[in-house]
Protein backbone atom coordinates (compact mmCIF):
# COMPACT_ATOMS: atom_id res chain seq x y z
CA MET A 1 -9.67 -3.78 9.63
CA SER A 2 -7.33 -6.58 8.59
CA SER A 3 -5.95 -7.92 5.33
CA THR A 4 -4.62 -11.07 3.72
CA ARG A 5 -2.11 -11.56 0.92
CA ILE A 6 -1.98 -14.82 -1.03
CA SER A 7 0.30 -15.72 -3.92
CA ARG A 8 -0.10 -18.58 -6.38
CA ARG A 9 1.89 -19.77 -9.41
CA ILE A 10 -0.48 -20.72 -12.20
CA ASN A 11 0.81 -22.71 -15.16
CA ALA A 12 -1.15 -20.84 -17.80
CA PRO A 13 -0.56 -17.62 -19.77
CA ARG A 14 -1.28 -14.35 -18.02
CA ALA A 15 -4.00 -13.41 -20.54
CA THR A 16 -5.83 -16.67 -19.81
CA VAL A 17 -5.70 -16.09 -16.05
CA TYR A 18 -6.90 -12.49 -16.50
CA ARG A 19 -9.87 -13.66 -18.61
CA ALA A 20 -10.86 -16.21 -15.95
CA LEU A 21 -10.84 -13.48 -13.31
CA LEU A 22 -13.40 -11.50 -15.34
CA ASP A 23 -15.62 -14.24 -16.79
CA ALA A 24 -18.86 -14.82 -14.87
CA HIS A 25 -18.98 -18.56 -15.65
CA ALA A 26 -15.36 -19.03 -14.62
CA VAL A 27 -15.88 -16.96 -11.45
CA ALA A 28 -18.83 -19.18 -10.48
CA ALA A 29 -16.54 -22.20 -10.78
CA TRP A 30 -13.41 -20.96 -9.03
CA LYS A 31 -14.21 -18.03 -6.70
CA VAL A 32 -15.76 -20.20 -4.00
CA PRO A 33 -14.17 -22.11 -1.13
CA ASN A 34 -14.51 -25.88 -0.83
CA GLY A 35 -17.79 -26.93 0.73
CA MET A 36 -19.77 -24.14 -0.92
CA THR A 37 -21.46 -23.52 -4.26
CA SER A 38 -21.58 -20.21 -6.08
CA ARG A 39 -24.31 -18.35 -7.92
CA VAL A 40 -23.49 -15.26 -9.95
CA HIS A 41 -26.56 -13.00 -10.01
CA GLU A 42 -24.99 -10.04 -11.86
CA PHE A 43 -21.59 -9.56 -13.46
CA ASP A 44 -20.58 -6.56 -15.57
CA ALA A 45 -16.81 -6.94 -16.08
CA ARG A 46 -15.72 -3.40 -16.89
CA GLU A 47 -14.36 -0.49 -14.87
CA GLY A 48 -17.33 0.81 -12.93
CA GLY A 49 -19.26 -2.38 -13.62
CA SER A 50 -20.97 -4.17 -10.77
CA PHE A 51 -21.48 -7.73 -9.64
CA ARG A 52 -23.50 -9.69 -7.09
CA ILE A 53 -22.62 -13.22 -6.00
CA SER A 54 -23.96 -15.71 -3.44
CA LEU A 55 -21.95 -18.50 -1.86
CA THR A 56 -24.02 -21.23 -0.18
CA TYR A 57 -22.76 -23.91 2.17
CA ASN A 58 -23.32 -27.46 0.88
CA THR A 59 -24.17 -28.73 4.39
CA PRO A 60 -26.52 -27.15 6.90
CA THR A 61 -23.71 -26.77 9.44
CA GLY A 62 -22.18 -23.76 7.69
CA LYS A 63 -22.99 -20.35 9.15
CA GLY A 64 -23.73 -17.73 6.51
CA LYS A 65 -23.15 -14.00 6.71
CA THR A 66 -26.35 -13.01 4.87
CA SER A 67 -28.72 -15.85 5.77
CA PRO A 68 -28.31 -19.03 7.81
CA HIS A 69 -26.33 -20.83 5.06
CA THR A 70 -25.45 -18.17 2.47
CA ASP A 71 -22.93 -15.35 2.05
CA THR A 72 -24.11 -12.82 -0.54
CA TYR A 73 -21.90 -9.95 -1.54
CA HIS A 74 -22.00 -7.22 -4.14
CA GLY A 75 -19.37 -4.92 -5.49
CA ARG A 76 -17.84 -3.05 -8.37
CA PHE A 77 -14.74 -3.12 -10.52
CA VAL A 78 -12.63 -0.08 -9.67
CA LYS A 79 -9.62 -0.65 -11.91
CA LEU A 80 -8.86 -3.03 -14.78
CA VAL A 81 -5.42 -3.12 -16.37
CA SER A 82 -5.50 -5.71 -19.13
CA ASN A 83 -3.56 -8.87 -18.22
CA LYS A 84 -1.94 -7.14 -15.21
CA GLN A 85 -4.31 -5.96 -12.49
CA ILE A 86 -7.89 -6.06 -11.25
CA VAL A 87 -9.14 -4.01 -8.31
CA GLU A 88 -12.62 -4.61 -6.98
CA VAL A 89 -14.54 -3.40 -3.95
CA ASP A 90 -16.84 -5.94 -2.27
CA GLU A 91 -19.35 -5.69 0.56
CA PHE A 92 -21.35 -8.41 2.31
CA GLU A 93 -25.12 -8.08 2.28
CA THR A 94 -25.72 -8.36 6.01
CA THR A 95 -27.11 -6.58 9.03
CA ASP A 96 -24.34 -7.88 11.32
CA PRO A 97 -22.23 -4.84 12.31
CA ALA A 98 -19.13 -7.08 12.61
CA LEU A 99 -19.41 -7.93 8.90
CA LEU A 100 -20.26 -4.50 7.46
CA GLY A 101 -17.93 -2.38 5.37
CA GLU A 102 -16.28 -2.30 2.00
CA MET A 103 -13.36 -4.62 1.28
CA THR A 104 -10.85 -4.06 -1.51
CA ILE A 105 -9.51 -7.03 -3.45
CA THR A 106 -6.56 -6.54 -5.77
CA PHE A 107 -5.31 -9.20 -8.17
CA MET A 108 -1.85 -8.62 -9.63
CA LEU A 109 -0.54 -10.78 -12.46
CA ALA A 110 3.09 -11.12 -13.53
CA GLU A 111 4.82 -13.22 -16.14
CA ALA A 112 6.54 -16.25 -14.62
CA ASP A 113 8.61 -19.02 -16.09
CA GLY A 114 6.02 -21.09 -17.92
CA GLY A 115 3.03 -19.31 -16.47
CA THR A 116 1.72 -16.54 -14.26
CA ASP A 117 2.42 -15.40 -10.73
CA LEU A 118 -0.82 -14.18 -9.16
CA ILE A 119 -0.93 -12.14 -5.97
CA ALA A 120 -4.32 -11.53 -4.35
CA VAL A 121 -4.56 -8.89 -1.62
CA HIS A 122 -7.79 -8.66 0.38
CA GLU A 123 -7.88 -5.44 2.41
CA GLY A 124 -10.42 -4.09 4.85
CA LEU A 125 -11.67 -7.38 6.27
CA PRO A 126 -14.45 -6.65 8.76
CA SER A 127 -13.79 -7.64 12.37
CA GLY A 128 -16.25 -10.54 12.07
CA VAL A 129 -14.14 -12.28 9.40
CA SER A 130 -11.33 -14.47 10.64
CA ILE A 131 -8.02 -13.74 8.89
CA ALA A 132 -7.16 -17.45 8.99
CA ASP A 133 -10.52 -18.45 7.48
CA ASN A 134 -10.21 -15.75 4.81
CA GLU A 135 -6.74 -16.94 3.87
CA THR A 136 -7.85 -20.59 3.76
CA GLY A 137 -10.85 -19.72 1.57
CA TRP A 138 -8.69 -17.71 -0.83
CA ARG A 139 -6.14 -20.54 -1.10
CA MET A 140 -8.95 -22.97 -1.96
CA ALA A 141 -10.37 -20.57 -4.55
CA LEU A 142 -6.99 -19.90 -6.19
CA ASP A 143 -6.33 -23.65 -6.35
CA LYS A 144 -9.64 -23.97 -8.25
CA LEU A 145 -8.65 -21.07 -10.53
CA ALA A 146 -5.33 -22.76 -11.30
CA ALA A 147 -7.02 -26.09 -12.04
CA LEU A 148 -9.56 -24.40 -14.30
CA VAL A 149 -7.10 -22.47 -16.46
CA GLU A 150 -4.30 -25.06 -16.42
CA ALA A 151 -6.68 -27.72 -17.79
CA ASP A 152 -6.64 -25.83 -21.12
CA TYR A 153 -2.83 -25.90 -21.34
CA LYS A 154 -1.82 -29.47 -20.50
């Protein structure tokens, strides 16, 4: 199992970034790579709370993990430390053995000059997920997160 670690400076207060990480509407807007749309089916943002999300390719050339064009995953929030840390465990809904298994995603937030430093660590990537693709998707998503929360503070 592999992992990725991505960092991003976001020019918004830490509390604002934290809220966007736990708001279903915000998650639908930012936690999706370019070329895909997101649908949040369930989202209970509390320790022990669960979620279920589908990401669908905008063009028929994308290859989904759950169905021909969709990646659906579910998970739970393991740890929430207000304005500092979020730990969630995700798992793809698939029958492909190369994509099975729980993945842990940890978001860490720190005060930074004029904003927030966010570090996202994605551990336990299944063998069927390319590290490079995972990193690219996370960079795209964190760029969307930054744009979303920075729009309120310019």
